[in-house]
Amino acid sequence: MKNLNEKNELPENYEELKKHATRASNWRERLDAVEELGQWKNQKIIDLLKRTMNNDAVFKVQEGAYRQLKKIGEEVQLPPRKKGDLIKGVAKILVRIKKSLPEGHSYEEFKEKLKKMRLDVYDTYEGDKGPDFDKWLESMWAAETKR
């Protein structure tokens, strides 16, 4: 790992990292970009990291931006973990996907269709729920089956 670049420079791949840091459908890519951007101390990067820390839907990415900002000497406070729906109307989105599948479909078919139709939803909740994602998604699917 290179030392922190304290000059007012941007990395050569700044535009690419910026794109990755804001890509809604891949929280791992956003986290990787945040980690790399944190190697540079530049106002554009600081502003991007602050936006990410305050607005990313996945708390792990918010934490990553917070750590990088602290590392480069910024006085910041980690926002509280969001409660409730991370994506507005997620229950309706899941119902629509479920209704688009044939009667008697499996949970796996539902999960695959969600991934294909709404990767942003899939990715955000997968990043937020971590190892509990499948349990959460299956419970959401099962709840809609009973209605």
C-alpha atoms as a PDB file:
ATOM      1  CA  MET A   1       0.000   0.000   0.000  1.00  0.00           C
ATOM      2  CA  LYS A   2       1.367   3.394  -0.908  1.00  0.00           C
ATOM      3  CA  ASN A   3       1.673   6.170   1.645  1.00  0.00           C
ATOM      4  CA  LEU A   4      -1.020   8.795   1.858  1.00  0.00           C
ATOM      5  CA  ASN A   5      -0.599  11.285  -0.974  1.00  0.00           C
ATOM      6  CA  GLU A   6      -0.949  14.665   0.718  1.00  0.00           C
ATOM      7  CA  LYS A   7      -0.399  16.787  -2.370  1.00  0.00           C
ATOM      8  CA  ASN A   8      -3.407  18.372  -3.938  1.00  0.00           C
ATOM      9  CA  GLU A   9      -3.396  15.715  -6.650  1.00  0.00           C
ATOM     10  CA  LEU A  10      -5.914  13.174  -7.806  1.00  0.00           C
ATOM     11  CA  PRO A  11      -5.097   9.575  -8.673  1.00  0.00           C
ATOM     12  CA  GLU A  12      -4.763   8.914 -12.390  1.00  0.00           C
ATOM     13  CA  ASN A  13      -7.845   6.703 -12.244  1.00  0.00           C
ATOM     14  CA  TYR A  14      -9.937   9.210 -10.232  1.00  0.00           C
ATOM     15  CA  GLU A  15     -12.860   9.328 -12.687  1.00  0.00           C
ATOM     16  CA  GLU A  16     -13.070   5.530 -12.727  1.00  0.00           C
ATOM     17  CA  LEU A  17     -12.887   5.348  -8.915  1.00  0.00           C
ATOM     18  CA  LYS A  18     -15.532   8.059  -8.625  1.00  0.00           C
ATOM     19  CA  LYS A  19     -17.819   6.043 -10.921  1.00  0.00           C
ATOM     20  CA  HIS A  20     -17.224   2.885  -8.870  1.00  0.00           C
ATOM     21  CA  ALA A  21     -17.806   4.734  -5.584  1.00  0.00           C
ATOM     22  CA  THR A  22     -21.255   5.830  -6.728  1.00  0.00           C
ATOM     23  CA  ARG A  23     -22.393   2.688  -8.548  1.00  0.00           C
ATOM     24  CA  ALA A  24     -25.712   1.709  -6.949  1.00  0.00           C
ATOM     25  CA  SER A  25     -25.698  -1.959  -7.854  1.00  0.00           C
ATOM     26  CA  ASN A  26     -22.394  -3.085  -6.364  1.00  0.00           C
ATOM     27  CA  TRP A  27     -21.622  -2.324  -2.733  1.00  0.00           C
ATOM     28  CA  ARG A  28     -18.332  -4.278  -2.830  1.00  0.00           C
ATOM     29  CA  GLU A  29     -17.128  -2.156  -5.741  1.00  0.00           C
ATOM     30  CA  ARG A  30     -18.115   0.993  -3.843  1.00  0.00           C
ATOM     31  CA  LEU A  31     -16.244  -0.178  -0.751  1.00  0.00           C
ATOM     32  CA  ASP A  32     -13.117  -1.015  -2.778  1.00  0.00           C
ATOM     33  CA  ALA A  33     -13.236   2.411  -4.451  1.00  0.00           C
ATOM     34  CA  VAL A  34     -13.638   4.137  -1.074  1.00  0.00           C
ATOM     35  CA  GLU A  35     -10.615   2.234   0.282  1.00  0.00           C
ATOM     36  CA  GLU A  36      -8.491   3.267  -2.695  1.00  0.00           C
ATOM     37  CA  LEU A  37      -9.687   6.877  -2.680  1.00  0.00           C
ATOM     38  CA  GLY A  38      -8.708   7.091   0.977  1.00  0.00           C
ATOM     39  CA  GLN A  39      -5.055   6.906  -0.062  1.00  0.00           C
ATOM     40  CA  TRP A  40      -5.277  10.471  -1.403  1.00  0.00           C
ATOM     41  CA  LYS A  41      -5.861  13.693   0.480  1.00  0.00           C
ATOM     42  CA  ASN A  42      -7.623  15.978  -1.960  1.00  0.00           C
ATOM     43  CA  GLN A  43     -10.740  18.111  -1.454  1.00  0.00           C
ATOM     44  CA  LYS A  44     -12.657  16.424  -4.297  1.00  0.00           C
ATOM     45  CA  ILE A  45     -11.964  13.034  -2.728  1.00  0.00           C
ATOM     46  CA  ILE A  46     -12.826  14.281   0.766  1.00  0.00           C
ATOM     47  CA  ASP A  47     -16.146  15.624  -0.538  1.00  0.00           C
ATOM     48  CA  LEU A  48     -16.902  12.331  -2.320  1.00  0.00           C
ATOM     49  CA  LEU A  49     -16.035  10.297   0.777  1.00  0.00           C
ATOM     50  CA  LYS A  50     -18.240  12.525   2.949  1.00  0.00           C
ATOM     51  CA  ARG A  51     -21.175  12.111   0.542  1.00  0.00           C
ATOM     52  CA  THR A  52     -20.634   8.366   0.571  1.00  0.00           C
ATOM     53  CA  MET A  53     -20.365   8.264   4.354  1.00  0.00           C
ATOM     54  CA  ASN A  54     -23.599  10.198   4.776  1.00  0.00           C
ATOM     55  CA  ASN A  55     -25.697   8.789   1.930  1.00  0.00           C
ATOM     56  CA  ASP A  56     -24.716   5.258   0.938  1.00  0.00           C
ATOM     57  CA  ALA A  57     -27.505   2.740   1.505  1.00  0.00           C
ATOM     58  CA  VAL A  58     -25.086   0.055   2.762  1.00  0.00           C
ATOM     59  CA  PHE A  59     -23.706   0.718   6.229  1.00  0.00           C
ATOM     60  CA  LYS A  60     -20.447  -1.184   5.501  1.00  0.00           C
ATOM     61  CA  VAL A  61     -19.694   1.330   2.742  1.00  0.00           C
ATOM     62  CA  GLN A  62     -20.558   4.242   5.047  1.00  0.00           C
ATOM     63  CA  GLU A  63     -18.166   2.802   7.644  1.00  0.00           C
ATOM     64  CA  GLY A  64     -15.444   2.414   5.016  1.00  0.00           C
ATOM     65  CA  ALA A  65     -15.763   6.062   3.969  1.00  0.00           C
ATOM     66  CA  TYR A  66     -15.747   7.114   7.630  1.00  0.00           C
ATOM     67  CA  ARG A  67     -12.531   5.140   8.311  1.00  0.00           C
ATOM     68  CA  GLN A  68     -10.804   6.643   5.270  1.00  0.00           C
ATOM     69  CA  LEU A  69     -11.820  10.184   6.251  1.00  0.00           C
ATOM     70  CA  LYS A  70     -10.538   9.659   9.807  1.00  0.00           C
ATOM     71  CA  LYS A  71      -7.298   8.221   8.416  1.00  0.00           C
ATOM     72  CA  ILE A  72      -6.651  11.366   6.373  1.00  0.00           C
ATOM     73  CA  GLY A  73      -7.336  13.579   9.380  1.00  0.00           C
ATOM     74  CA  GLU A  74     -10.922  14.702   8.801  1.00  0.00           C
ATOM     75  CA  GLU A  75     -13.119  15.466  11.799  1.00  0.00           C
ATOM     76  CA  VAL A  76     -16.177  13.366  10.979  1.00  0.00           C
ATOM     77  CA  GLN A  77     -18.801  11.393  12.838  1.00  0.00           C
ATOM     78  CA  LEU A  78     -20.218   8.121  11.586  1.00  0.00           C
ATOM     79  CA  PRO A  79     -23.944   8.532  10.888  1.00  0.00           C
ATOM     80  CA  PRO A  80     -26.266   6.108  12.687  1.00  0.00           C
ATOM     81  CA  ARG A  81     -27.232   2.938  10.866  1.00  0.00           C
ATOM     82  CA  LYS A  82     -30.457   3.487   8.913  1.00  0.00           C
ATOM     83  CA  LYS A  83     -33.574   1.835  10.232  1.00  0.00           C
ATOM     84  CA  GLY A  84     -36.500   0.680   8.138  1.00  0.00           C
ATOM     85  CA  ASP A  85     -36.453   0.311   4.359  1.00  0.00           C
ATOM     86  CA  LEU A  86     -33.087   1.049   2.774  1.00  0.00           C
ATOM     87  CA  ILE A  87     -34.841   1.401  -0.575  1.00  0.00           C
ATOM     88  CA  LYS A  88     -38.206   3.106  -0.557  1.00  0.00           C
ATOM     89  CA  GLY A  89     -41.076   0.762  -1.357  1.00  0.00           C
ATOM     90  CA  VAL A  90     -39.016  -2.424  -1.192  1.00  0.00           C
ATOM     91  CA  ALA A  91     -42.036  -4.504  -0.135  1.00  0.00           C
ATOM     92  CA  LYS A  92     -43.970  -3.378  -3.230  1.00  0.00           C
ATOM     93  CA  ILE A  93     -40.974  -4.125  -5.439  1.00  0.00           C
ATOM     94  CA  LEU A  94     -40.742  -7.640  -4.019  1.00  0.00           C
ATOM     95  CA  VAL A  95     -44.497  -8.218  -4.473  1.00  0.00           C
ATOM     96  CA  ARG A  96     -44.288  -7.124  -8.129  1.00  0.00           C
ATOM     97  CA  ILE A  97     -41.424  -9.521  -8.759  1.00  0.00           C
ATOM     98  CA  LYS A  98     -43.239 -12.337  -7.008  1.00  0.00           C
ATOM     99  CA  LYS A  99     -46.417 -11.712  -9.046  1.00  0.00           C
ATOM    100  CA  SER A 100     -44.391 -11.781 -12.276  1.00  0.00           C
ATOM    101  CA  LEU A 101     -43.418 -15.404 -11.574  1.00  0.00           C
ATOM    102  CA  PRO A 102     -45.650 -18.426 -12.225  1.00  0.00           C
ATOM    103  CA  GLU A 103     -47.768 -19.873  -9.410  1.00  0.00           C
ATOM    104  CA  GLY A 104     -45.804 -22.356  -7.312  1.00  0.00           C
ATOM    105  CA  HIS A 105     -42.365 -20.888  -8.125  1.00  0.00           C
ATOM    106  CA  SER A 106     -39.480 -21.597  -5.770  1.00  0.00           C
ATOM    107  CA  TYR A 107     -37.640 -19.185  -3.509  1.00  0.00           C
ATOM    108  CA  GLU A 108     -34.532 -19.643  -5.691  1.00  0.00           C
ATOM    109  CA  GLU A 109     -36.496 -18.593  -8.797  1.00  0.00           C
ATOM    110  CA  PHE A 110     -37.729 -15.517  -6.924  1.00  0.00           C
ATOM    111  CA  LYS A 111     -34.209 -14.677  -5.769  1.00  0.00           C
ATOM    112  CA  GLU A 112     -32.808 -14.983  -9.307  1.00  0.00           C
ATOM    113  CA  LYS A 113     -35.574 -12.822 -10.782  1.00  0.00           C
ATOM    114  CA  LEU A 114     -34.941 -10.141  -8.140  1.00  0.00           C
ATOM    115  CA  LYS A 115     -31.254 -10.196  -9.003  1.00  0.00           C
ATOM    116  CA  LYS A 116     -32.018  -9.827 -12.726  1.00  0.00           C
ATOM    117  CA  MET A 117     -34.755  -7.201 -12.443  1.00  0.00           C
ATOM    118  CA  ARG A 118     -33.549  -5.096  -9.511  1.00  0.00           C
ATOM    119  CA  LEU A 119     -29.857  -5.672  -8.909  1.00  0.00           C
ATOM    120  CA  ASP A 120     -29.753  -2.413  -6.931  1.00  0.00           C
ATOM    121  CA  VAL A 121     -32.287  -3.785  -4.416  1.00  0.00           C
ATOM    122  CA  TYR A 122     -30.626  -7.196  -4.290  1.00  0.00           C
ATOM    123  CA  ASP A 123     -27.165  -5.727  -3.830  1.00  0.00           C
ATOM    124  CA  THR A 124     -28.151  -3.123  -1.232  1.00  0.00           C
ATOM    125  CA  TYR A 125     -29.912  -5.614   1.008  1.00  0.00           C
ATOM    126  CA  GLU A 126     -27.294  -8.310   0.468  1.00  0.00           C
ATOM    127  CA  GLY A 127     -24.647  -5.819   1.583  1.00  0.00           C
ATOM    128  CA  ASP A 128     -26.687  -4.627   4.533  1.00  0.00           C
ATOM    129  CA  LYS A 129     -27.879  -8.016   5.798  1.00  0.00           C
ATOM    130  CA  GLY A 130     -24.603  -9.863   5.217  1.00  0.00           C
ATOM    131  CA  PRO A 131     -24.872 -13.540   6.171  1.00  0.00           C
ATOM    132  CA  ASP A 132     -28.543 -13.034   7.162  1.00  0.00           C
ATOM    133  CA  PHE A 133     -29.546 -11.896   3.648  1.00  0.00           C
ATOM    134  CA  ASP A 134     -31.001 -15.223   2.502  1.00  0.00           C
ATOM    135  CA  LYS A 135     -32.953 -15.641   5.737  1.00  0.00           C
ATOM    136  CA  TRP A 136     -34.353 -12.095   5.379  1.00  0.00           C
ATOM    137  CA  LEU A 137     -35.194 -12.435   1.675  1.00  0.00           C
ATOM    138  CA  GLU A 138     -36.802 -15.839   2.124  1.00  0.00           C
ATOM    139  CA  SER A 139     -38.936 -14.497   4.972  1.00  0.00           C
ATOM    140  CA  MET A 140     -40.042 -11.580   2.766  1.00  0.00           C
ATOM    141  CA  TRP A 141     -40.891 -14.044  -0.032  1.00  0.00           C
ATOM    142  CA  ALA A 142     -42.751 -16.378   2.344  1.00  0.00           C
ATOM    143  CA  ALA A 143     -44.739 -13.495   3.842  1.00  0.00           C
ATOM    144  CA  GLU A 144     -45.938 -12.535   0.372  1.00  0.00           C
ATOM    145  CA  THR A 145     -46.898 -16.165  -0.321  1.00  0.00           C
ATOM    146  CA  LYS A 146     -49.309 -16.175   2.616  1.00  0.00           C
ATOM    147  CA  ARG A 147     -51.185 -13.062   1.466  1.00  0.00           C
END
